Amino acid sequence: MANLNCKYLGLNLRNPLIIGSCGLTNNIEKMKEMEAQGAGAIVLKSIFEEQITNEVMQAGQEVEFDVSYRDAFDYIKGYTEMASYQKYTDLIRQAKAALQIPVIASINCTSSGDWTAYAKRIEDAKADALELNLFFLPSDFEKTGIQYEETYFKIVEKVRATVSIPIAIKISHYFSGLANTLQRMSRMNINGMVLFNRFYSPDIDIETMTTKGAPLFEESDNFYDSLRWIALLDKHVSCDLCATSGIADGKDMIKQLLVGADVVQVVSAIYNKGVAHIATMLKDLNDWMDRHQFATIDQVVGKMSFKEVAHSEAFLRVQFMKHFAGITE
């Protein structure tokens, strides 16, 4: 059988299949099941900035005091934030005690607030690495793309200066110069980039004419976004690449590895098909490597990246002109 061992963020993984941050990775018993089915690493459910903010506001509303007593609110705010932090660091410690595979913590940042103190607490809780999920919807008509980019870089710079554990950046494709931005970010002494984060999306009920959330855990066209960009970025960034969004089965995992992903993150497929699907995906990968006589993951990664394939223009085309260019299915 092929050797599936690989490295990600400097960590030794038994295979390239990582369970991404989700509700399932907030439960120790469920994570133990994932490890038993073969998962190479686990990203814990994110601690969300909005979650902490909402808890602070709720605590402030539940206690009656004159708003002029600023010290009282500051005390409540500090106590509530610390309680949120403590619950998360407790989860890290419990996961580390229960699992043999790497445990990656996750922070979901939606503002340029100071995350350095919390990142340090995560490191002190002995997380193997930290994933920063960064996204700011570029909806401010007064703000330029460069200003948005600067916020990302400031957060990365601050956190990197605070902790010594490996850092991965989970990022979106909402940049006007995506290739240049991601290349520059990869050179900020980070260890990896996860492409791309998946968002809550709005939907419309046309009968009641109300807004609602779009369906969750469905296969997504985002799979092809990450496939394209990982192929283009391979060999051009100074860190590891992790593919995520829409990876439904072993074939999808193989495709992402071939274009240059060092590892993949899976979430929706586990929700839809159960924890046992992890073993199925790994078996598909192993069987495929045996059929094609690949002995190690290193021999697979990047074999079909932009620089390696004959019809590399397929990764650059965004209009429906491929048939005229002689690019076949």
Protein backbone atom coordinates (compact mmCIF):
# COMPACT_ATOMS: atom_id res chain seq x y z
CA MET A 1 0.00 0.00 0.00
CA ALA A 2 1.06 3.58 -0.64
CA ASN A 3 2.55 5.66 2.14
CA LEU A 4 0.08 8.49 2.90
CA ASN A 5 2.28 10.29 5.42
CA CYS A 6 2.69 14.01 4.75
CA LYS A 7 3.61 17.31 6.36
CA TYR A 8 1.39 20.34 6.91
CA LEU A 9 2.41 23.48 8.83
CA GLY A 10 5.54 21.58 9.85
CA LEU A 11 3.38 18.92 11.54
CA ASN A 12 3.65 15.22 10.74
CA LEU A 13 0.31 13.88 9.49
CA ARG A 14 -0.51 10.25 8.76
CA ASN A 15 -2.45 11.35 5.67
CA PRO A 16 -3.59 14.57 3.95
CA LEU A 17 -7.27 14.42 5.01
CA ILE A 18 -8.05 17.03 7.66
CA ILE A 19 -11.45 17.60 9.22
CA GLY A 20 -12.20 21.31 8.92
CA SER A 21 -13.65 23.54 11.60
CA CYS A 22 -17.34 22.80 12.16
CA GLY A 23 -19.90 21.82 14.77
CA LEU A 24 -18.63 18.24 14.73
CA THR A 25 -15.22 19.34 15.95
CA ASN A 26 -16.69 20.79 19.13
CA ASN A 27 -17.36 17.30 20.52
CA ILE A 28 -14.58 15.14 21.97
CA GLU A 29 -16.31 11.81 21.33
CA LYS A 30 -17.07 12.73 17.73
CA MET A 31 -13.45 13.77 17.20
CA LYS A 32 -12.28 10.44 18.60
CA GLU A 33 -14.50 8.71 16.02
CA MET A 34 -12.92 10.81 13.27
CA GLU A 35 -9.47 9.85 14.44
CA ALA A 36 -10.48 6.17 14.51
CA GLN A 37 -11.71 6.46 10.90
CA GLY A 38 -8.31 7.79 9.83
CA ALA A 39 -8.44 11.60 9.90
CA GLY A 40 -4.95 13.08 9.62
CA ALA A 41 -5.67 16.13 11.78
CA ILE A 42 -8.62 18.08 13.16
CA VAL A 43 -9.38 21.81 13.14
CA LEU A 44 -11.46 22.66 16.19
CA LYS A 45 -14.71 24.56 15.82
CA SER A 46 -13.85 28.24 15.52
CA ILE A 47 -14.23 30.73 18.29
CA PHE A 48 -16.10 33.56 16.57
CA GLU A 49 -15.55 37.23 17.19
CA GLU A 50 -19.31 37.80 16.89
CA GLN A 51 -19.91 35.07 19.46
CA ILE A 52 -17.77 36.84 22.05
CA THR A 53 -19.28 40.24 21.21
CA ASN A 54 -22.85 38.92 21.52
CA GLU A 55 -22.11 37.27 24.85
CA VAL A 56 -20.62 40.52 26.15
CA MET A 57 -23.66 42.55 25.06
CA GLN A 58 -26.10 40.01 26.48
CA ALA A 59 -24.31 39.99 29.82
CA GLY A 60 -24.40 43.78 29.90
CA GLN A 61 -28.15 43.84 29.21
CA GLU A 62 -28.89 41.31 31.92
CA VAL A 63 -27.30 43.46 34.61
CA GLU A 64 -29.02 46.72 35.48
CA PHE A 65 -26.69 49.61 36.14
CA ASP A 66 -26.35 53.23 35.20
CA VAL A 67 -24.46 53.55 31.90
CA SER A 68 -22.29 56.18 33.53
CA TYR A 69 -20.64 53.41 35.55
CA ARG A 70 -18.15 52.56 32.86
CA ASP A 71 -16.04 50.48 35.24
CA ALA A 72 -18.96 48.15 35.87
CA PHE A 73 -19.45 47.49 32.16
CA ASP A 74 -15.73 47.03 31.63
CA TYR A 75 -15.71 44.43 34.41
CA ILE A 76 -18.64 42.53 32.89
CA LYS A 77 -17.05 42.74 29.44
CA GLY A 78 -13.72 41.43 30.70
CA TYR A 79 -15.32 38.64 32.72
CA THR A 80 -17.53 37.49 29.81
CA GLU A 81 -14.65 37.55 27.33
CA MET A 82 -12.49 35.55 29.71
CA ALA A 83 -15.27 32.98 30.16
CA SER A 84 -15.52 32.54 26.38
CA TYR A 85 -11.76 32.18 26.11
CA GLN A 86 -11.68 29.67 28.96
CA LYS A 87 -14.30 27.43 27.38
CA TYR A 88 -12.29 27.31 24.18
CA THR A 89 -8.92 26.69 25.79
CA ASP A 90 -10.58 23.93 27.83
CA LEU A 91 -11.72 22.34 24.55
CA ILE A 92 -8.16 22.51 23.23
CA ARG A 93 -6.74 20.81 26.33
CA GLN A 94 -9.43 18.11 26.27
CA ALA A 95 -8.84 17.40 22.58
CA LYS A 96 -5.08 17.21 23.07
CA ALA A 97 -5.55 14.74 25.93
CA ALA A 98 -7.98 12.56 23.94
CA LEU A 99 -6.37 12.52 20.48
CA GLN A 100 -3.06 11.40 19.04
CA ILE A 101 -3.40 13.37 15.79
CA PRO A 102 -2.61 17.11 15.55
CA VAL A 103 -5.21 19.53 16.95
CA ILE A 104 -5.45 22.89 15.18
CA ALA A 105 -7.28 25.74 16.90
CA SER A 106 -9.31 28.26 14.90
CA ILE A 107 -10.17 31.93 15.35
CA ASN A 108 -12.80 33.53 13.12
CA CYS A 109 -11.92 37.23 12.80
CA THR A 110 -14.32 39.76 11.29
CA SER A 111 -12.63 42.96 12.44
CA SER A 112 -9.15 44.27 13.04
CA GLY A 113 -9.52 43.89 16.80
CA ASP A 114 -6.54 42.85 18.89
CA TRP A 115 -6.46 39.05 18.69
CA THR A 116 -2.93 38.67 19.98
CA ALA A 117 -3.82 37.98 23.62
CA TYR A 118 -6.24 35.26 22.63
CA ALA A 119 -3.78 33.71 20.18
CA LYS A 120 -1.30 33.50 23.05
CA ARG A 121 -3.85 31.70 25.24
CA ILE A 122 -4.38 29.19 22.44
CA GLU A 123 -0.65 28.58 22.27
CA ASP A 124 -0.47 28.18 26.06
CA ALA A 125 -3.28 25.58 25.84
CA LYS A 126 -0.89 23.51 23.67
CA ALA A 127 -2.73 23.64 20.35
CA ASP A 128 -0.47 22.22 17.64
CA ALA A 129 -1.24 25.13 15.31
CA LEU A 130 -3.59 28.06 14.81
CA GLU A 131 -5.87 28.71 11.84
CA LEU A 132 -6.92 32.35 11.39
CA ASN A 133 -10.18 32.53 9.43
CA LEU A 134 -10.08 36.05 8.04
CA PHE A 135 -12.85 37.72 6.08
CA PHE A 136 -14.20 41.23 5.75
CA LEU A 137 -17.04 41.63 3.26
CA PRO A 138 -15.83 44.45 0.96
CA SER A 139 -19.18 46.25 1.12
CA ASP A 140 -18.01 49.68 2.29
CA PHE A 141 -18.37 52.07 -0.66
CA GLU A 142 -15.86 54.44 0.91
CA LYS A 143 -13.14 51.86 1.42
CA THR A 144 -10.63 50.80 -1.22
CA GLY A 145 -9.33 47.31 -1.87
CA ILE A 146 -5.91 48.34 -0.60
CA GLN A 147 -7.44 49.44 2.72
CA TYR A 148 -9.17 46.08 3.12
CA GLU A 149 -5.95 44.25 2.33
CA GLU A 150 -4.06 46.28 4.92
CA THR A 151 -6.43 45.02 7.64
CA TYR A 152 -5.60 41.41 6.75
CA PHE A 153 -1.88 42.06 6.81
CA LYS A 154 -2.02 43.87 10.15
CA ILE A 155 -3.82 40.97 11.86
CA VAL A 156 -1.39 38.41 10.47
CA GLU A 157 1.60 40.53 11.46
CA LYS A 158 0.35 41.02 15.04
CA VAL A 159 -0.51 37.38 15.63
CA ARG A 160 2.71 36.10 14.07
CA ALA A 161 4.71 38.36 16.38
CA THR A 162 2.85 36.98 19.39
CA VAL A 163 2.94 33.19 18.99
CA SER A 164 5.54 30.70 17.85
CA ILE A 165 3.17 27.84 16.92
CA PRO A 166 2.45 27.31 13.20
CA ILE A 167 -0.15 29.64 11.69
CA ALA A 168 -2.43 29.00 8.71
CA ILE A 169 -4.55 31.70 7.11
CA LYS A 170 -8.00 30.70 5.87
CA ILE A 171 -8.82 33.29 3.26
CA SER A 172 -11.40 34.22 0.61
CA HIS A 173 -11.00 35.13 -3.06
CA TYR A 174 -12.43 38.64 -2.59
CA PHE A 175 -9.28 40.43 -3.71
CA SER A 176 -8.80 42.36 -6.93
CA GLY A 177 -5.21 41.11 -7.29
CA LEU A 178 -5.64 37.69 -5.71
CA ALA A 179 -2.40 36.06 -6.91
CA ASN A 180 -0.26 38.98 -5.76
CA THR A 181 -2.05 39.34 -2.42
CA LEU A 182 -1.78 35.67 -1.53
CA GLN A 183 1.85 35.53 -2.59
CA ARG A 184 2.70 38.52 -0.37
CA MET A 185 0.76 37.05 2.53
CA SER A 186 2.58 33.73 2.17
CA ARG A 187 5.84 35.59 2.75
CA MET A 188 4.75 36.95 6.14
CA ASN A 189 6.29 34.02 7.99
CA ILE A 190 3.03 32.07 8.02
CA ASN A 191 3.05 28.31 7.53
CA GLY A 192 0.02 27.69 5.37
CA MET A 193 -2.99 29.06 3.50
CA VAL A 194 -6.43 27.44 3.33
CA LEU A 195 -8.30 28.19 0.10
CA PHE A 196 -11.09 29.21 0.29
CA ASN A 197 -13.33 29.87 3.27
CA ARG A 198 -17.01 29.21 2.76
CA PHE A 199 -19.60 31.78 3.78
CA TYR A 200 -23.10 32.05 5.03
CA SER A 201 -25.11 33.19 2.01
CA PRO A 202 -28.52 34.84 1.86
CA ASP A 203 -31.52 33.44 0.00
CA ILE A 204 -35.03 34.71 -0.76
CA ASP A 205 -38.40 33.08 -0.15
CA ILE A 206 -40.38 34.38 -3.14
CA GLU A 207 -43.77 33.48 -1.61
CA THR A 208 -43.35 35.21 1.73
CA MET A 209 -40.86 37.73 0.31
CA THR A 210 -38.55 37.30 3.26
CA THR A 211 -34.84 36.65 3.52
CA LYS A 212 -33.44 33.38 4.78
CA GLY A 213 -30.16 31.51 4.89
CA ALA A 214 -29.06 29.51 1.87
CA PRO A 215 -28.86 25.71 2.35
CA LEU A 216 -25.82 24.49 4.24
CA PHE A 217 -23.57 21.50 3.54
CA GLU A 218 -24.32 21.28 -0.17
CA GLU A 219 -21.66 20.61 -2.76
CA SER A 220 -20.29 23.90 -4.00
CA ASP A 221 -18.79 25.39 -7.13
CA ASN A 222 -16.14 26.74 -4.75
CA PHE A 223 -14.38 23.42 -5.32
CA TYR A 224 -13.37 24.60 -8.77
CA ASP A 225 -12.26 28.00 -7.46
CA SER A 226 -9.79 26.38 -5.09
CA LEU A 227 -8.74 23.86 -7.77
CA ARG A 228 -7.88 26.69 -10.17
CA TRP A 229 -6.06 28.86 -7.67
CA ILE A 230 -4.06 26.15 -5.98
CA ALA A 231 -2.88 25.05 -9.42
CA LEU A 232 -1.83 28.63 -10.20
CA LEU A 233 -0.20 29.29 -6.82
CA ASP A 234 1.75 26.05 -6.54
CA LYS A 235 5.49 26.83 -6.53
CA HIS A 236 4.72 30.58 -6.26
CA VAL A 237 3.96 30.84 -2.54
CA SER A 238 6.24 30.42 0.45
CA CYS A 239 3.96 28.23 2.56
CA ASP A 240 1.82 25.10 2.45
CA LEU A 241 -1.49 25.05 0.58
CA CYS A 242 -4.67 23.45 1.89
CA ALA A 243 -7.79 23.02 -0.29
CA THR A 244 -11.27 23.24 1.14
CA SER A 245 -14.94 23.73 0.08
CA GLY A 246 -16.88 21.17 -1.93
CA ILE A 247 -14.51 18.20 -1.51
CA ALA A 248 -17.10 15.45 -1.55
CA ASP A 249 -15.15 12.22 -2.09
CA GLY A 250 -11.79 10.60 -2.72
CA LYS A 251 -11.70 11.75 -6.34
CA ASP A 252 -12.06 15.38 -5.30
CA MET A 253 -9.25 14.95 -2.78
CA ILE A 254 -6.98 13.44 -5.44
CA LYS A 255 -7.68 16.31 -7.84
CA GLN A 256 -6.70 18.90 -5.24
CA LEU A 257 -3.50 17.05 -4.38
CA LEU A 258 -2.58 16.76 -8.04
CA VAL A 259 -2.82 20.51 -8.64
CA GLY A 260 -0.64 21.30 -5.61
CA ALA A 261 -2.59 21.09 -2.36
CA ASP A 262 -0.46 19.63 0.44
CA VAL A 263 -3.63 18.62 2.32
CA VAL A 264 -7.39 19.03 2.06
CA GLN A 265 -10.06 19.95 4.58
CA VAL A 266 -13.41 18.18 4.52
CA VAL A 267 -16.63 19.18 6.31
CA SER A 268 -19.84 18.91 4.27
CA ALA A 269 -19.07 15.38 3.07
CA ILE A 270 -18.80 14.21 6.69
CA TYR A 271 -22.13 15.82 7.58
CA ASN A 272 -23.81 14.33 4.52
CA LYS A 273 -22.27 10.83 4.55
CA GLY A 274 -21.17 10.26 8.13
CA VAL A 275 -17.82 9.88 9.88
CA ALA A 276 -17.18 6.52 8.17
CA HIS A 277 -16.81 8.42 4.89
CA ILE A 278 -13.32 9.43 6.07
CA ALA A 279 -12.11 5.84 5.74
CA THR A 280 -13.82 5.54 2.34
CA MET A 281 -12.06 8.63 1.01
CA LEU A 282 -8.68 7.41 2.27
CA LYS A 283 -9.23 3.99 0.71
CA ASP A 284 -10.06 5.66 -2.62
CA LEU A 285 -6.84 7.66 -2.39
CA ASN A 286 -4.78 4.60 -1.51
CA ASP A 287 -6.30 2.47 -4.27
CA TRP A 288 -5.75 5.20 -6.85
CA MET A 289 -2.11 5.65 -5.81
CA ASP A 290 -1.54 1.90 -6.06
CA ARG A 291 -3.11 1.78 -9.54
CA HIS A 292 -0.90 4.60 -10.75
CA GLN A 293 2.18 3.35 -8.90
CA PHE A 294 2.63 6.34 -6.61
CA ALA A 295 4.51 5.26 -3.50
CA THR A 296 4.23 8.51 -1.51
CA ILE A 297 2.04 11.61 -1.30
CA ASP A 298 5.02 13.76 -2.32
CA GLN A 299 4.96 12.10 -5.73
CA VAL A 300 1.32 13.16 -6.20
CA VAL A 301 1.30 16.75 -4.92
CA GLY A 302 1.63 19.28 -7.74
CA LYS A 303 1.97 16.74 -10.54
CA MET A 304 -0.77 18.58 -12.45
CA SER A 305 -0.23 22.14 -11.29
CA PHE A 306 -0.21 25.03 -13.76
CA LYS A 307 3.45 24.57 -14.68
CA GLU A 308 3.21 20.81 -15.10
CA VAL A 309 0.23 20.13 -17.38
CA ALA A 310 0.13 20.30 -21.17
CA HIS A 311 -3.03 22.42 -21.41
CA SER A 312 -2.24 24.87 -18.62
CA GLU A 313 -4.41 27.52 -20.30
CA ALA A 314 -7.42 25.64 -18.89
CA PHE A 315 -6.56 27.09 -15.47
CA LEU A 316 -6.54 30.65 -16.85
CA ARG A 317 -9.71 30.66 -18.92
CA VAL A 318 -12.85 32.03 -17.30
CA GLN A 319 -15.04 32.37 -20.41
CA PHE A 320 -16.71 29.53 -22.29
CA MET A 321 -14.17 29.44 -25.10
CA LYS A 322 -12.28 26.27 -24.28
CA HIS A 323 -13.67 24.28 -27.21
CA PHE A 324 -12.43 26.91 -29.67
CA ALA A 325 -9.02 26.78 -28.00
CA GLY A 326 -8.81 23.05 -28.43
CA ILE A 327 -9.20 22.28 -24.74
CA THR A 328 -11.22 19.12 -24.33
CA GLU A 329 -13.28 17.83 -21.43
